Structure formats: C-alpha cells, structure tokens
Amino acid sequence: MENNPEEIQLIDFLRLIIKRKNVIISIVLITTLVSAVIFLWRENSYKVQTIIQIGKISSNGSSELIESPTILVQKIKLNTYNELVGKKLSIPKDSFPKITAENPRDTSLIVLTTQVKNNELGKKVLGEIVSAITYEHEKIFQSNIRSIETAIKTEKDTALRINNNLTNLKKTLSTDNTKTLTGLTMLSIYENELTKIKANLINLEKIQNTSSKTSVIKDISATSNLKASLLLLYIFLGLLIGTFGGVCYLACLEWWKKSKDEF
C-alpha cells in the first residue's frame, strides 16, 4: 500500500521541526522577551481614589446631612473645585486630571477617583479637592453647632425662669388656703412648660451628640493599572507568536532549499 505524499511531507516536516527545535525555541524566547519588554515599557497610569463621608447637622429639630450627596457629586462633575485646586497646584486648565465622583446607593459616602500618569500629582489633586469640600462643610457644621448651643442655652434660661416662677407660686399657694383657680391654672401651665422644655433639651442634646463632621473614611491611595494578568497575556501572545513564527520560518526555509535544489 502506497503512502500518501502529503502524509510523507507532513512527517518530514515534523522531523525537521524536531531536528531544528533549537531554532524554534530561540525564536519563542526572543518574542516572549520582546513582549515582556513592550509591556514593561508601556506608559504606566494610576488609579487614585479616596472616600469621604458627609457629616450630619441639625435642621428644624431633626438630623440631616450637611450637603446632599447628589448635589455634591454634581458639583464635582461640573468641575466646581478645579479652578481653585489648579491655581494652588499650578496645574493648567487643559492639563487638569478628570475627577469622577460616585455616591453609593442609600449612603452618605462620596467616592472620588482619577486616572493619572503621575500618582503623586493625583494624590495632591484629590487631597486638595477633599480639603475644599471639608472646609465648606466645616463652616456649615460649626455654624450649626453654635445654633444648637444657643438654643440649648435659651431653653435652659427659660427653664430656670419658669422654675423660679413655679417655686414662688407654690410658696404662695401653700400659704393661701383658698388656692384660687387662677393660681392652680398657672401652676399647671408652668409644669407643662417645664415638661416641654425638658423634652426639647433632650432632643437638642441628642442632635448635638449625633452631629458629625465630613471626614475621610478611606485615605487617598494609588494603584497601578499594569496588572499581572495583563503581563501573563503579553507573555502568552509572545509564546504563541514565537511558536507560529518559528514553524513558518522553518517551512519557508525548507521550501527555499527545495526550490534551490530543483533549479
């Protein structure tokens, strides 16, 4: 039974590959090394990120955020702080890094992120933006705290005055055997007023204790965008290209030799 010429050629070619395997290995090593070098020579970029939590203040007897997360995110997206930070860090307007802001659902958190080639610059930019935000919020917070303290003082002064009136009224009624209806009514009014004031004081002190400043809950950090998984991909492509290139090189070399012999 005769062998198929194509099978004979394939077997001969496989023998050639085995014989010249050092050539293929050399080509694979070169392409893999070149792929790794290309990966490492790529211009690196960094993801710089920080997270802040919006503080709480008192409003109409209840606690609320210093600023709406939605509004703050919109301000950052509209580059509200870019000019101030750009002047402080001497960054031209057209070179200012893009800042993204996100508010995770149902939280008072703001996630600030930027992609930069210089991680130190990215950290400085986010740091200055956070400082600008916390400075604005600090003024609102301190003003609110002063208002609460004033309200507490007013309530305490009122309570003291009513308590003195109540004490004097009780003394009067204790010596007055008739205890007029007017006196008893005033006694009830004073006691009710004191009860309301105590409730107001408890609420004000509770709000004062739950008030909080806007703060950084995740320090500014920078991570490289050059991932190990991407390096492995480059190496794999280098191996693949090297193997294919080596085989093609041997095939072309063999074809050239046969063509030369025929002539």
C-alpha atoms as a PDB file:
ATOM      1  CA  MET A   1       0.000   0.000   0.000  1.00  0.00           C
ATOM      2  CA  GLU A   2       1.466   3.326  -1.085  1.00  0.00           C
ATOM      3  CA  ASN A   3       1.844   6.187   1.390  1.00  0.00           C
ATOM      4  CA  ASN A   4       0.078   9.455   0.712  1.00  0.00           C
ATOM      5  CA  PRO A   5       2.642  12.064  -0.457  1.00  0.00           C
ATOM      6  CA  GLU A   6       1.008  14.679   1.796  1.00  0.00           C
ATOM      7  CA  GLU A   7       1.468  12.392   4.810  1.00  0.00           C
ATOM      8  CA  ILE A   8       5.117  11.854   3.864  1.00  0.00           C
ATOM      9  CA  GLN A   9       5.653  15.628   3.594  1.00  0.00           C
ATOM     10  CA  LEU A  10       3.989  16.194   6.983  1.00  0.00           C
ATOM     11  CA  ILE A  11       6.141  13.535   8.631  1.00  0.00           C
ATOM     12  CA  ASP A  12       9.261  15.031   7.064  1.00  0.00           C
ATOM     13  CA  PHE A  13       8.236  18.473   8.262  1.00  0.00           C
ATOM     14  CA  LEU A  14       7.658  17.206  11.825  1.00  0.00           C
ATOM     15  CA  ARG A  15      11.083  15.579  11.732  1.00  0.00           C
ATOM     16  CA  LEU A  16      12.520  18.900  10.593  1.00  0.00           C
ATOM     17  CA  ILE A  17      10.826  20.716  13.474  1.00  0.00           C
ATOM     18  CA  ILE A  18      12.246  18.227  15.969  1.00  0.00           C
ATOM     19  CA  LYS A  19      15.666  18.477  14.355  1.00  0.00           C
ATOM     20  CA  ARG A  20      15.634  22.272  14.349  1.00  0.00           C
ATOM     21  CA  LYS A  21      13.792  22.678  17.648  1.00  0.00           C
ATOM     22  CA  ASN A  22      16.563  24.904  18.978  1.00  0.00           C
ATOM     23  CA  VAL A  23      15.736  27.453  16.288  1.00  0.00           C
ATOM     24  CA  ILE A  24      12.053  27.474  17.290  1.00  0.00           C
ATOM     25  CA  ILE A  25      12.926  27.699  20.999  1.00  0.00           C
ATOM     26  CA  SER A  26      15.238  30.644  20.292  1.00  0.00           C
ATOM     27  CA  ILE A  27      12.546  32.461  18.316  1.00  0.00           C
ATOM     28  CA  VAL A  28       9.962  31.774  21.066  1.00  0.00           C
ATOM     29  CA  LEU A  29      12.314  33.113  23.751  1.00  0.00           C
ATOM     30  CA  ILE A  30      13.066  36.243  21.716  1.00  0.00           C
ATOM     31  CA  THR A  31       9.380  37.027  21.013  1.00  0.00           C
ATOM     32  CA  THR A  32       8.415  36.332  24.636  1.00  0.00           C
ATOM     33  CA  LEU A  33      11.179  38.611  25.899  1.00  0.00           C
ATOM     34  CA  VAL A  34      10.189  41.334  23.438  1.00  0.00           C
ATOM     35  CA  SER A  35       6.525  41.033  24.577  1.00  0.00           C
ATOM     36  CA  ALA A  36       7.534  41.374  28.231  1.00  0.00           C
ATOM     37  CA  VAL A  37       9.734  44.408  27.454  1.00  0.00           C
ATOM     38  CA  ILE A  38       6.926  46.061  25.481  1.00  0.00           C
ATOM     39  CA  PHE A  39       4.592  45.526  28.432  1.00  0.00           C
ATOM     40  CA  LEU A  40       7.056  46.989  30.937  1.00  0.00           C
ATOM     41  CA  TRP A  41       7.868  49.942  28.671  1.00  0.00           C
ATOM     42  CA  ARG A  42       4.233  50.876  28.306  1.00  0.00           C
ATOM     43  CA  GLU A  43       3.460  54.248  29.881  1.00  0.00           C
ATOM     44  CA  ASN A  44       2.031  53.359  33.260  1.00  0.00           C
ATOM     45  CA  SER A  45      -1.074  55.014  34.657  1.00  0.00           C
ATOM     46  CA  TYR A  46      -2.536  55.026  38.137  1.00  0.00           C
ATOM     47  CA  LYS A  47      -5.974  54.908  39.638  1.00  0.00           C
ATOM     48  CA  VAL A  48      -6.065  57.311  42.582  1.00  0.00           C
ATOM     49  CA  GLN A  49      -9.053  57.081  44.896  1.00  0.00           C
ATOM     50  CA  THR A  50     -10.432  58.250  48.227  1.00  0.00           C
ATOM     51  CA  ILE A  51     -13.792  58.054  50.025  1.00  0.00           C
ATOM     52  CA  ILE A  52     -15.377  60.724  52.192  1.00  0.00           C
ATOM     53  CA  GLN A  53     -18.475  60.588  54.376  1.00  0.00           C
ATOM     54  CA  ILE A  54     -20.736  63.633  54.528  1.00  0.00           C
ATOM     55  CA  GLY A  55     -21.369  64.825  58.069  1.00  0.00           C
ATOM     56  CA  LYS A  56     -24.675  65.468  59.840  1.00  0.00           C
ATOM     57  CA  ILE A  57     -26.191  68.616  61.328  1.00  0.00           C
ATOM     58  CA  SER A  58     -29.448  69.723  62.934  1.00  0.00           C
ATOM     59  CA  SER A  59     -32.279  71.126  60.849  1.00  0.00           C
ATOM     60  CA  ASN A  60     -35.730  72.013  62.198  1.00  0.00           C
ATOM     61  CA  GLY A  61     -35.263  69.789  65.211  1.00  0.00           C
ATOM     62  CA  SER A  62     -34.041  66.750  63.282  1.00  0.00           C
ATOM     63  CA  SER A  63     -30.751  65.469  61.901  1.00  0.00           C
ATOM     64  CA  GLU A  64     -29.815  65.767  58.236  1.00  0.00           C
ATOM     65  CA  LEU A  65     -26.709  65.647  56.026  1.00  0.00           C
ATOM     66  CA  ILE A  66     -24.593  68.789  55.717  1.00  0.00           C
ATOM     67  CA  GLU A  67     -24.976  68.588  51.953  1.00  0.00           C
ATOM     68  CA  SER A  68     -26.977  66.348  49.650  1.00  0.00           C
ATOM     69  CA  PRO A  69     -24.715  63.654  48.135  1.00  0.00           C
ATOM     70  CA  THR A  70     -26.421  64.165  44.768  1.00  0.00           C
ATOM     71  CA  ILE A  71     -25.630  67.885  44.800  1.00  0.00           C
ATOM     72  CA  LEU A  72     -22.022  67.319  45.861  1.00  0.00           C
ATOM     73  CA  VAL A  73     -21.480  64.713  43.123  1.00  0.00           C
ATOM     74  CA  GLN A  74     -22.912  67.141  40.579  1.00  0.00           C
ATOM     75  CA  LYS A  75     -20.612  69.944  41.805  1.00  0.00           C
ATOM     76  CA  ILE A  76     -17.573  67.709  41.364  1.00  0.00           C
ATOM     77  CA  LYS A  77     -18.704  66.620  37.891  1.00  0.00           C
ATOM     78  CA  LEU A  78     -19.147  70.273  36.933  1.00  0.00           C
ATOM     79  CA  ASN A  79     -15.502  70.924  37.947  1.00  0.00           C
ATOM     80  CA  THR A  80     -16.538  73.333  40.708  1.00  0.00           C
ATOM     81  CA  TYR A  81     -13.261  72.867  42.596  1.00  0.00           C
ATOM     82  CA  ASN A  82     -10.910  72.542  39.612  1.00  0.00           C
ATOM     83  CA  GLU A  83     -10.024  76.219  39.277  1.00  0.00           C
ATOM     84  CA  LEU A  84      -9.233  76.623  42.984  1.00  0.00           C
ATOM     85  CA  VAL A  85      -7.132  73.441  43.104  1.00  0.00           C
ATOM     86  CA  GLY A  86      -5.495  74.189  39.740  1.00  0.00           C
ATOM     87  CA  LYS A  87      -4.271  77.581  40.954  1.00  0.00           C
ATOM     88  CA  LYS A  88      -2.995  76.141  44.204  1.00  0.00           C
ATOM     89  CA  LEU A  89      -1.058  73.327  42.493  1.00  0.00           C
ATOM     90  CA  SER A  90      -0.145  75.356  39.356  1.00  0.00           C
ATOM     91  CA  ILE A  91      -1.945  72.955  37.009  1.00  0.00           C
ATOM     92  CA  PRO A  92      -3.082  74.401  33.646  1.00  0.00           C
ATOM     93  CA  LYS A  93      -6.787  74.085  32.965  1.00  0.00           C
ATOM     94  CA  ASP A  94      -6.280  71.818  29.953  1.00  0.00           C
ATOM     95  CA  SER A  95      -3.960  69.527  31.958  1.00  0.00           C
ATOM     96  CA  PHE A  96      -6.205  69.140  34.993  1.00  0.00           C
ATOM     97  CA  PRO A  97      -6.997  65.434  35.564  1.00  0.00           C
ATOM     98  CA  LYS A  98     -10.596  64.310  35.172  1.00  0.00           C
ATOM     99  CA  ILE A  99     -12.247  63.655  38.527  1.00  0.00           C
ATOM    100  CA  THR A 100     -15.158  61.244  38.845  1.00  0.00           C
ATOM    101  CA  ALA A 101     -17.498  61.128  41.833  1.00  0.00           C
ATOM    102  CA  GLU A 102     -19.989  58.458  42.823  1.00  0.00           C
ATOM    103  CA  ASN A 103     -22.488  58.150  45.651  1.00  0.00           C
ATOM    104  CA  PRO A 104     -23.182  54.510  46.559  1.00  0.00           C
ATOM    105  CA  ARG A 105     -26.911  53.963  46.878  1.00  0.00           C
ATOM    106  CA  ASP A 106     -28.518  54.763  50.251  1.00  0.00           C
ATOM    107  CA  THR A 107     -25.262  56.051  51.774  1.00  0.00           C
ATOM    108  CA  SER A 108     -23.691  59.382  52.639  1.00  0.00           C
ATOM    109  CA  LEU A 109     -20.419  58.306  51.004  1.00  0.00           C
ATOM    110  CA  ILE A 110     -18.709  60.017  48.079  1.00  0.00           C
ATOM    111  CA  VAL A 111     -16.109  58.027  46.114  1.00  0.00           C
ATOM    112  CA  LEU A 112     -13.596  60.284  44.343  1.00  0.00           C
ATOM    113  CA  THR A 113     -11.457  58.770  41.595  1.00  0.00           C
ATOM    114  CA  THR A 114      -8.992  59.988  38.985  1.00  0.00           C
ATOM    115  CA  GLN A 115      -6.795  58.271  36.385  1.00  0.00           C
ATOM    116  CA  VAL A 116      -3.331  59.860  36.131  1.00  0.00           C
ATOM    117  CA  LYS A 117       0.177  59.132  34.875  1.00  0.00           C
ATOM    118  CA  ASN A 118       1.740  60.787  37.928  1.00  0.00           C
ATOM    119  CA  ASN A 119       0.358  59.178  41.071  1.00  0.00           C
ATOM    120  CA  GLU A 120       1.779  61.853  43.380  1.00  0.00           C
ATOM    121  CA  LEU A 121       0.023  64.571  41.395  1.00  0.00           C
ATOM    122  CA  GLY A 122      -3.217  62.582  41.508  1.00  0.00           C
ATOM    123  CA  LYS A 123      -2.947  62.277  45.292  1.00  0.00           C
ATOM    124  CA  LYS A 124      -2.332  66.014  45.662  1.00  0.00           C
ATOM    125  CA  VAL A 125      -5.307  66.882  43.439  1.00  0.00           C
ATOM    126  CA  LEU A 126      -7.732  64.639  45.334  1.00  0.00           C
ATOM    127  CA  GLY A 127      -6.281  65.849  48.630  1.00  0.00           C
ATOM    128  CA  GLU A 128      -6.939  69.483  47.737  1.00  0.00           C
ATOM    129  CA  ILE A 129     -10.470  68.732  46.497  1.00  0.00           C
ATOM    130  CA  VAL A 130     -11.252  66.889  49.728  1.00  0.00           C
ATOM    131  CA  SER A 131      -9.810  69.830  51.715  1.00  0.00           C
ATOM    132  CA  ALA A 132     -12.032  72.268  49.804  1.00  0.00           C
ATOM    133  CA  ILE A 133     -15.129  70.151  50.464  1.00  0.00           C
ATOM    134  CA  THR A 134     -14.381  69.627  54.161  1.00  0.00           C
ATOM    135  CA  TYR A 135     -13.615  73.353  54.573  1.00  0.00           C
ATOM    136  CA  GLU A 136     -17.045  74.275  53.195  1.00  0.00           C
ATOM    137  CA  HIS A 137     -18.745  71.658  55.343  1.00  0.00           C
ATOM    138  CA  GLU A 138     -16.772  72.666  58.437  1.00  0.00           C
ATOM    139  CA  LYS A 139     -18.147  76.211  58.250  1.00  0.00           C
ATOM    140  CA  ILE A 140     -21.707  74.883  57.996  1.00  0.00           C
ATOM    141  CA  PHE A 141     -21.064  72.406  60.819  1.00  0.00           C
ATOM    142  CA  GLN A 142     -19.626  74.991  63.206  1.00  0.00           C
ATOM    143  CA  SER A 143     -22.461  77.432  62.467  1.00  0.00           C
ATOM    144  CA  ASN A 144     -24.981  74.698  63.196  1.00  0.00           C
ATOM    145  CA  ILE A 145     -23.249  73.705  66.427  1.00  0.00           C
ATOM    146  CA  ARG A 146     -23.336  77.323  67.592  1.00  0.00           C
ATOM    147  CA  SER A 147     -27.064  77.467  66.793  1.00  0.00           C
ATOM    148  CA  ILE A 148     -27.691  74.303  68.796  1.00  0.00           C
ATOM    149  CA  GLU A 149     -25.663  75.609  71.729  1.00  0.00           C
ATOM    150  CA  THR A 150     -27.587  78.898  71.618  1.00  0.00           C
ATOM    151  CA  ALA A 151     -30.905  77.013  71.524  1.00  0.00           C
ATOM    152  CA  ILE A 152     -29.841  74.844  74.476  1.00  0.00           C
ATOM    153  CA  LYS A 153     -28.811  77.904  76.472  1.00  0.00           C
ATOM    154  CA  THR A 154     -32.100  79.654  75.675  1.00  0.00           C
ATOM    155  CA  GLU A 155     -34.105  76.599  76.757  1.00  0.00           C
ATOM    156  CA  LYS A 156     -32.111  76.285  79.985  1.00  0.00           C
ATOM    157  CA  ASP A 157     -32.535  80.002  80.781  1.00  0.00           C
ATOM    158  CA  THR A 158     -36.275  79.702  80.105  1.00  0.00           C
ATOM    159  CA  ALA A 159     -36.467  76.599  82.280  1.00  0.00           C
ATOM    160  CA  LEU A 160     -34.661  78.371  85.096  1.00  0.00           C
ATOM    161  CA  ARG A 161     -37.015  81.356  84.905  1.00  0.00           C
ATOM    162  CA  ILE A 162     -40.135  79.179  84.813  1.00  0.00           C
ATOM    163  CA  ASN A 163     -38.788  77.023  87.637  1.00  0.00           C
ATOM    164  CA  ASN A 164     -38.281  80.147  89.784  1.00  0.00           C
ATOM    165  CA  ASN A 165     -41.820  81.295  88.984  1.00  0.00           C
ATOM    166  CA  LEU A 166     -43.108  77.832  89.795  1.00  0.00           C
ATOM    167  CA  THR A 167     -41.286  77.795  93.135  1.00  0.00           C
ATOM    168  CA  ASN A 168     -42.658  81.213  94.089  1.00  0.00           C
ATOM    169  CA  LEU A 169     -46.165  80.198  93.002  1.00  0.00           C
ATOM    170  CA  LYS A 170     -46.028  77.035  95.103  1.00  0.00           C
ATOM    171  CA  LYS A 171     -44.972  79.068  98.121  1.00  0.00           C
ATOM    172  CA  THR A 172     -47.866  81.472  97.553  1.00  0.00           C
ATOM    173  CA  LEU A 173     -50.371  78.654  97.169  1.00  0.00           C
ATOM    174  CA  SER A 174     -49.069  76.903 100.265  1.00  0.00           C
ATOM    175  CA  THR A 175     -49.896  79.945 102.383  1.00  0.00           C
ATOM    176  CA  ASP A 176     -53.178  80.651 100.588  1.00  0.00           C
ATOM    177  CA  ASN A 177     -55.862  78.378 101.986  1.00  0.00           C
ATOM    178  CA  THR A 178     -58.289  79.310  99.215  1.00  0.00           C
ATOM    179  CA  LYS A 179     -55.893  78.291  96.343  1.00  0.00           C
ATOM    180  CA  THR A 180     -57.571  80.312  93.648  1.00  0.00           C
ATOM    181  CA  LEU A 181     -58.404  78.821  90.247  1.00  0.00           C
ATOM    182  CA  THR A 182     -56.013  81.250  88.614  1.00  0.00           C
ATOM    183  CA  GLY A 183     -53.156  80.111  90.820  1.00  0.00           C
ATOM    184  CA  LEU A 184     -53.828  76.435  90.132  1.00  0.00           C
ATOM    185  CA  THR A 185     -54.094  77.109  86.395  1.00  0.00           C
ATOM    186  CA  MET A 186     -50.767  78.917  86.372  1.00  0.00           C
ATOM    187  CA  LEU A 187     -49.213  76.047  88.318  1.00  0.00           C
ATOM    188  CA  SER A 188     -50.359  73.602  85.646  1.00  0.00           C
ATOM    189  CA  ILE A 189     -49.107  75.880  82.847  1.00  0.00           C
ATOM    190  CA  TYR A 190     -45.655  76.198  84.428  1.00  0.00           C
ATOM    191  CA  GLU A 191     -45.353  72.454  84.921  1.00  0.00           C
ATOM    192  CA  ASN A 192     -46.411  71.772  81.319  1.00  0.00           C
ATOM    193  CA  GLU A 193     -43.921  74.336  80.049  1.00  0.00           C
ATOM    194  CA  LEU A 194     -41.121  72.709  82.044  1.00  0.00           C
ATOM    195  CA  THR A 195     -42.040  69.300  80.646  1.00  0.00           C
ATOM    196  CA  LYS A 196     -41.900  70.640  77.080  1.00  0.00           C
ATOM    197  CA  ILE A 197     -38.574  72.368  77.724  1.00  0.00           C
ATOM    198  CA  LYS A 198     -37.052  69.167  79.144  1.00  0.00           C
ATOM    199  CA  ALA A 199     -38.197  67.266  76.048  1.00  0.00           C
ATOM    200  CA  ASN A 200     -36.710  69.972  73.810  1.00  0.00           C
ATOM    201  CA  LEU A 201     -33.420  69.863  75.693  1.00  0.00           C
ATOM    202  CA  ILE A 202     -33.222  66.093  75.374  1.00  0.00           C
ATOM    203  CA  ASN A 203     -33.849  66.348  71.637  1.00  0.00           C
ATOM    204  CA  LEU A 204     -31.323  69.177  71.160  1.00  0.00           C
ATOM    205  CA  GLU A 205     -28.627  67.346  73.118  1.00  0.00           C
ATOM    206  CA  LYS A 206     -29.322  64.163  71.181  1.00  0.00           C
ATOM    207  CA  ILE A 207     -28.922  66.029  67.883  1.00  0.00           C
ATOM    208  CA  GLN A 208     -25.779  67.702  69.191  1.00  0.00           C
ATOM    209  CA  ASN A 209     -24.293  64.310  70.077  1.00  0.00           C
ATOM    210  CA  THR A 210     -25.204  62.783  66.713  1.00  0.00           C
ATOM    211  CA  SER A 211     -23.872  65.715  64.695  1.00  0.00           C
ATOM    212  CA  SER A 212     -20.686  64.838  62.841  1.00  0.00           C
ATOM    213  CA  LYS A 213     -18.155  66.467  60.567  1.00  0.00           C
ATOM    214  CA  THR A 214     -17.476  65.433  56.996  1.00  0.00           C
ATOM    215  CA  SER A 215     -14.500  63.089  57.139  1.00  0.00           C
ATOM    216  CA  VAL A 216     -12.230  60.876  55.065  1.00  0.00           C
ATOM    217  CA  ILE A 217     -13.014  57.214  55.704  1.00  0.00           C
ATOM    218  CA  LYS A 218     -10.585  55.837  53.107  1.00  0.00           C
ATOM    219  CA  ASP A 219      -7.208  57.510  52.766  1.00  0.00           C
ATOM    220  CA  ILE A 220      -6.021  58.528  49.319  1.00  0.00           C
ATOM    221  CA  SER A 221      -4.368  55.572  47.596  1.00  0.00           C
ATOM    222  CA  ALA A 222      -2.895  54.912  44.155  1.00  0.00           C
ATOM    223  CA  THR A 223      -2.884  51.580  42.334  1.00  0.00           C
ATOM    224  CA  SER A 224      -1.078  50.810  39.095  1.00  0.00           C
ATOM    225  CA  ASN A 225      -3.139  49.889  36.047  1.00  0.00           C
ATOM    226  CA  LEU A 226      -0.414  47.484  34.925  1.00  0.00           C
ATOM    227  CA  LYS A 227      -1.922  44.219  36.135  1.00  0.00           C
ATOM    228  CA  ALA A 228      -0.091  40.905  36.471  1.00  0.00           C
ATOM    229  CA  SER A 229      -2.837  39.222  34.454  1.00  0.00           C
ATOM    230  CA  LEU A 230      -2.072  41.580  31.551  1.00  0.00           C
ATOM    231  CA  LEU A 231       1.619  40.686  31.758  1.00  0.00           C
ATOM    232  CA  LEU A 232       0.698  36.990  31.509  1.00  0.00           C
ATOM    233  CA  LEU A 233      -1.389  37.789  28.433  1.00  0.00           C
ATOM    234  CA  TYR A 234       1.576  39.515  26.788  1.00  0.00           C
ATOM    235  CA  ILE A 235       3.812  36.550  27.588  1.00  0.00           C
ATOM    236  CA  PHE A 236       1.224  34.122  26.208  1.00  0.00           C
ATOM    237  CA  LEU A 237       0.975  36.133  22.986  1.00  0.00           C
ATOM    238  CA  GLY A 238       4.774  36.154  22.781  1.00  0.00           C
ATOM    239  CA  LEU A 239       4.861  32.360  23.108  1.00  0.00           C
ATOM    240  CA  LEU A 240       2.105  31.978  20.538  1.00  0.00           C
ATOM    241  CA  ILE A 241       3.681  34.349  18.009  1.00  0.00           C
ATOM    242  CA  GLY A 242       7.136  32.832  18.580  1.00  0.00           C
ATOM    243  CA  THR A 243       5.928  29.275  18.043  1.00  0.00           C
ATOM    244  CA  PHE A 244       3.951  30.173  14.924  1.00  0.00           C
ATOM    245  CA  GLY A 245       6.766  32.328  13.595  1.00  0.00           C
ATOM    246  CA  GLY A 246       9.355  29.603  14.214  1.00  0.00           C
ATOM    247  CA  VAL A 247       7.305  26.991  12.386  1.00  0.00           C
ATOM    248  CA  CYS A 248       6.672  29.383   9.488  1.00  0.00           C
ATOM    249  CA  TYR A 249      10.372  30.192   9.354  1.00  0.00           C
ATOM    250  CA  LEU A 250      11.316  26.515   9.063  1.00  0.00           C
ATOM    251  CA  ALA A 251       8.596  25.934   6.451  1.00  0.00           C
ATOM    252  CA  CYS A 252       9.846  28.852   4.365  1.00  0.00           C
ATOM    253  CA  LEU A 253      13.448  27.712   4.802  1.00  0.00           C
ATOM    254  CA  GLU A 254      12.599  24.181   3.687  1.00  0.00           C
ATOM    255  CA  TRP A 255      10.639  25.467   0.709  1.00  0.00           C
ATOM    256  CA  TRP A 256      13.522  27.705  -0.299  1.00  0.00           C
ATOM    257  CA  LYS A 257      16.010  24.845  -0.132  1.00  0.00           C
ATOM    258  CA  LYS A 258      13.820  22.570  -2.242  1.00  0.00           C
ATOM    259  CA  SER A 259      13.237  25.322  -4.784  1.00  0.00           C
ATOM    260  CA  LYS A 260      17.002  25.913  -4.953  1.00  0.00           C
ATOM    261  CA  ASP A 261      17.707  22.203  -5.475  1.00  0.00           C
ATOM    262  CA  GLU A 262      15.180  21.991  -8.285  1.00  0.00           C
ATOM    263  CA  PHE A 263      16.915  24.754 -10.147  1.00  0.00           C
END
